[in-house]
Amino acid sequence: MGSFKKANRSRIDSFTGIGDEKALKILEKVSKAFDVPTVTDIHSDDDAAKAAGYVDILQIPAFLVRQTDLLVAAAKTKKFVNLKKGQFMSPESMQFAVQKEKIAVMKMSGLLIVGPSLATKI
């Protein structure tokens, strides 16, 4: 696993990476060389589409797991998505993040979603 861009730095002048495309190409090269799936954090809607072209799994950092637009953008790539649970969230509240991913996938497939308990039914 690697993160192609370190967006969550405390100082504005902190190192954030070697460049998006260069870093993503390195992750892709590692995947091919060792025949292993690669994972990277994404921090924005644009990151989802960009990273999906190079890695196998998109990971949503814990501090962004409630961001609907980011979750939907990740789902739209049709890649596997790993949602990290933050310490600030109860296990029960994670169902809503998972539900957002499921809804996005279902909408893309053209299925109609009805009912209050879709987090456990889909």
C-alpha atoms as a PDB file:
ATOM      1  CA  MET A   1       0.000   0.000   0.000  1.00  0.00           C
ATOM      2  CA  GLY A   2       1.129   3.515  -0.668  1.00  0.00           C
ATOM      3  CA  SER A   3      -0.321   6.952  -0.717  1.00  0.00           C
ATOM      4  CA  PHE A   4       0.412   8.855  -3.907  1.00  0.00           C
ATOM      5  CA  LYS A   5      -0.277  12.224  -2.280  1.00  0.00           C
ATOM      6  CA  LYS A   6      -0.057  13.275   1.344  1.00  0.00           C
ATOM      7  CA  ALA A   7      -2.797  15.877   1.567  1.00  0.00           C
ATOM      8  CA  ASN A   8      -3.258  15.916   5.338  1.00  0.00           C
ATOM      9  CA  ARG A   9      -0.167  17.720   6.535  1.00  0.00           C
ATOM     10  CA  SER A  10      -0.192  20.124   9.460  1.00  0.00           C
ATOM     11  CA  ARG A  11       1.999  22.749   7.777  1.00  0.00           C
ATOM     12  CA  ILE A  12       1.318  24.321   4.397  1.00  0.00           C
ATOM     13  CA  ASP A  13       4.974  23.999   3.403  1.00  0.00           C
ATOM     14  CA  SER A  14       5.264  20.296   4.322  1.00  0.00           C
ATOM     15  CA  PHE A  15       6.277  17.780   1.657  1.00  0.00           C
ATOM     16  CA  THR A  16       3.185  16.282   0.018  1.00  0.00           C
ATOM     17  CA  GLY A  17       4.713  13.996  -2.584  1.00  0.00           C
ATOM     18  CA  ILE A  18       6.714  13.633  -5.773  1.00  0.00           C
ATOM     19  CA  GLY A  19       3.848  14.478  -8.105  1.00  0.00           C
ATOM     20  CA  ASP A  20       0.588  12.655  -8.675  1.00  0.00           C
ATOM     21  CA  GLU A  21       1.287  10.903 -11.961  1.00  0.00           C
ATOM     22  CA  LYS A  22       4.858   9.993 -11.040  1.00  0.00           C
ATOM     23  CA  ALA A  23       3.761   8.484  -7.716  1.00  0.00           C
ATOM     24  CA  LEU A  24       0.843   6.599  -9.278  1.00  0.00           C
ATOM     25  CA  LYS A  25       3.126   5.148 -11.956  1.00  0.00           C
ATOM     26  CA  ILE A  26       5.427   3.861  -9.216  1.00  0.00           C
ATOM     27  CA  LEU A  27       2.507   2.127  -7.494  1.00  0.00           C
ATOM     28  CA  GLU A  28       1.467   0.604 -10.815  1.00  0.00           C
ATOM     29  CA  LYS A  29       5.024  -0.598 -11.451  1.00  0.00           C
ATOM     30  CA  VAL A  30       5.195  -2.223  -7.998  1.00  0.00           C
ATOM     31  CA  SER A  31       1.884  -3.979  -8.646  1.00  0.00           C
ATOM     32  CA  LYS A  32       3.099  -5.411 -11.934  1.00  0.00           C
ATOM     33  CA  ALA A  33       6.594  -6.304 -10.724  1.00  0.00           C
ATOM     34  CA  PHE A  34       5.409  -8.222  -7.673  1.00  0.00           C
ATOM     35  CA  ASP A  35       1.966  -9.283  -8.916  1.00  0.00           C
ATOM     36  CA  VAL A  36       0.229  -7.724  -5.904  1.00  0.00           C
ATOM     37  CA  PRO A  37      -2.779  -5.424  -5.708  1.00  0.00           C
ATOM     38  CA  THR A  38      -2.060  -1.816  -4.807  1.00  0.00           C
ATOM     39  CA  VAL A  39      -3.997   0.530  -2.539  1.00  0.00           C
ATOM     40  CA  THR A  40      -3.807   4.283  -2.230  1.00  0.00           C
ATOM     41  CA  ASP A  41      -5.620   6.927  -0.236  1.00  0.00           C
ATOM     42  CA  ILE A  42      -7.658   9.454  -2.153  1.00  0.00           C
ATOM     43  CA  HIS A  43      -8.609  12.865  -0.820  1.00  0.00           C
ATOM     44  CA  SER A  44     -10.798  14.455  -3.484  1.00  0.00           C
ATOM     45  CA  ASP A  45     -13.302  13.563  -6.187  1.00  0.00           C
ATOM     46  CA  ASP A  46     -10.638  14.214  -8.844  1.00  0.00           C
ATOM     47  CA  ASP A  47      -8.217  11.871  -7.066  1.00  0.00           C
ATOM     48  CA  ALA A  48     -10.680   8.980  -7.451  1.00  0.00           C
ATOM     49  CA  ALA A  49     -10.685   9.001 -11.255  1.00  0.00           C
ATOM     50  CA  LYS A  50      -6.972   9.799 -11.451  1.00  0.00           C
ATOM     51  CA  ALA A  51      -5.833   7.014  -9.104  1.00  0.00           C
ATOM     52  CA  ALA A  52      -8.263   4.428 -10.496  1.00  0.00           C
ATOM     53  CA  GLY A  53      -6.216   4.258 -13.684  1.00  0.00           C
ATOM     54  CA  TYR A  54      -3.183   3.007 -11.768  1.00  0.00           C
ATOM     55  CA  VAL A  55      -4.197   1.106  -8.613  1.00  0.00           C
ATOM     56  CA  ASP A  56      -6.497  -1.762  -7.682  1.00  0.00           C
ATOM     57  CA  ILE A  57      -8.087  -0.393  -4.503  1.00  0.00           C
ATOM     58  CA  LEU A  58      -9.037   3.149  -3.535  1.00  0.00           C
ATOM     59  CA  GLN A  59      -8.917   3.906   0.157  1.00  0.00           C
ATOM     60  CA  ILE A  60     -10.913   6.630   1.882  1.00  0.00           C
ATOM     61  CA  PRO A  61      -9.040   7.996   4.909  1.00  0.00           C
ATOM     62  CA  ALA A  62     -10.922   7.922   8.204  1.00  0.00           C
ATOM     63  CA  PHE A  63     -11.186  11.701   8.415  1.00  0.00           C
ATOM     64  CA  LEU A  64     -12.943  11.803   5.003  1.00  0.00           C
ATOM     65  CA  VAL A  65     -15.192   8.757   5.307  1.00  0.00           C
ATOM     66  CA  ARG A  66     -18.340  10.877   5.753  1.00  0.00           C
ATOM     67  CA  GLN A  67     -17.781  12.926   2.569  1.00  0.00           C
ATOM     68  CA  THR A  68     -20.599  11.840   0.270  1.00  0.00           C
ATOM     69  CA  ASP A  69     -19.164  13.281  -2.959  1.00  0.00           C
ATOM     70  CA  LEU A  70     -15.833  11.538  -2.386  1.00  0.00           C
ATOM     71  CA  LEU A  71     -17.501   8.193  -1.644  1.00  0.00           C
ATOM     72  CA  VAL A  72     -19.682   8.445  -4.737  1.00  0.00           C
ATOM     73  CA  ALA A  73     -16.691   9.426  -6.921  1.00  0.00           C
ATOM     74  CA  ALA A  74     -14.797   6.381  -5.635  1.00  0.00           C
ATOM     75  CA  ALA A  75     -17.753   4.086  -6.336  1.00  0.00           C
ATOM     76  CA  LYS A  76     -18.082   5.442  -9.870  1.00  0.00           C
ATOM     77  CA  THR A  77     -14.589   4.182 -10.711  1.00  0.00           C
ATOM     78  CA  LYS A  78     -15.837   0.596 -10.226  1.00  0.00           C
ATOM     79  CA  LYS A  79     -12.695  -0.165  -8.233  1.00  0.00           C
ATOM     80  CA  PHE A  80     -12.730  -1.810  -4.831  1.00  0.00           C
ATOM     81  CA  VAL A  81     -13.082   0.849  -2.125  1.00  0.00           C
ATOM     82  CA  ASN A  82     -11.711   0.490   1.391  1.00  0.00           C
ATOM     83  CA  LEU A  83     -13.405   2.765   3.938  1.00  0.00           C
ATOM     84  CA  LYS A  84     -11.258   3.406   6.985  1.00  0.00           C
ATOM     85  CA  LYS A  85     -13.128   3.812  10.273  1.00  0.00           C
ATOM     86  CA  GLY A  86     -12.018   6.748  12.348  1.00  0.00           C
ATOM     87  CA  GLN A  87     -11.756   6.555  16.124  1.00  0.00           C
ATOM     88  CA  PHE A  88     -14.341   9.313  16.216  1.00  0.00           C
ATOM     89  CA  MET A  89     -16.984   7.041  14.631  1.00  0.00           C
ATOM     90  CA  SER A  90     -18.874   4.212  16.253  1.00  0.00           C
ATOM     91  CA  PRO A  91     -18.966   0.891  14.412  1.00  0.00           C
ATOM     92  CA  GLU A  92     -22.702   1.427  13.941  1.00  0.00           C
ATOM     93  CA  SER A  93     -22.203   4.800  12.247  1.00  0.00           C
ATOM     94  CA  MET A  94     -19.968   3.219   9.590  1.00  0.00           C
ATOM     95  CA  GLN A  95     -23.076   1.654   8.083  1.00  0.00           C
ATOM     96  CA  PHE A  96     -23.946   5.054   6.634  1.00  0.00           C
ATOM     97  CA  ALA A  97     -20.615   5.355   4.797  1.00  0.00           C
ATOM     98  CA  VAL A  98     -21.074   1.835   3.440  1.00  0.00           C
ATOM     99  CA  GLN A  99     -24.650   2.688   2.496  1.00  0.00           C
ATOM    100  CA  LYS A 100     -23.445   5.644   0.385  1.00  0.00           C
ATOM    101  CA  GLU A 101     -21.118   3.333  -1.559  1.00  0.00           C
ATOM    102  CA  LYS A 102     -23.876   0.782  -2.084  1.00  0.00           C
ATOM    103  CA  ILE A 103     -26.352   3.395  -3.277  1.00  0.00           C
ATOM    104  CA  ALA A 104     -23.843   4.832  -5.749  1.00  0.00           C
ATOM    105  CA  VAL A 105     -23.117   1.382  -7.173  1.00  0.00           C
ATOM    106  CA  MET A 106     -26.804   0.487  -7.387  1.00  0.00           C
ATOM    107  CA  LYS A 107     -27.636   3.759  -9.172  1.00  0.00           C
ATOM    108  CA  MET A 108     -24.878   3.145 -11.714  1.00  0.00           C
ATOM    109  CA  SER A 109     -26.346  -0.268 -12.471  1.00  0.00           C
ATOM    110  CA  GLY A 110     -29.786   1.263 -13.040  1.00  0.00           C
ATOM    111  CA  LEU A 111     -31.512  -0.456 -10.119  1.00  0.00           C
ATOM    112  CA  LEU A 112     -34.217   1.267  -8.110  1.00  0.00           C
ATOM    113  CA  ILE A 113     -33.544   1.430  -4.384  1.00  0.00           C
ATOM    114  CA  VAL A 114     -36.472   1.438  -1.993  1.00  0.00           C
ATOM    115  CA  GLY A 115     -36.680   0.894   1.740  1.00  0.00           C
ATOM    116  CA  PRO A 116     -35.263   2.111   5.020  1.00  0.00           C
ATOM    117  CA  SER A 117     -32.942  -0.820   5.701  1.00  0.00           C
ATOM    118  CA  LEU A 118     -30.833  -0.855   2.575  1.00  0.00           C
ATOM    119  CA  ALA A 119     -27.570  -0.741   4.550  1.00  0.00           C
ATOM    120  CA  THR A 120     -28.118  -4.384   5.469  1.00  0.00           C
ATOM    121  CA  LYS A 121     -30.271  -5.556   2.553  1.00  0.00           C
ATOM    122  CA  ILE A 122     -28.213  -4.678  -0.548  1.00  0.00           C
END
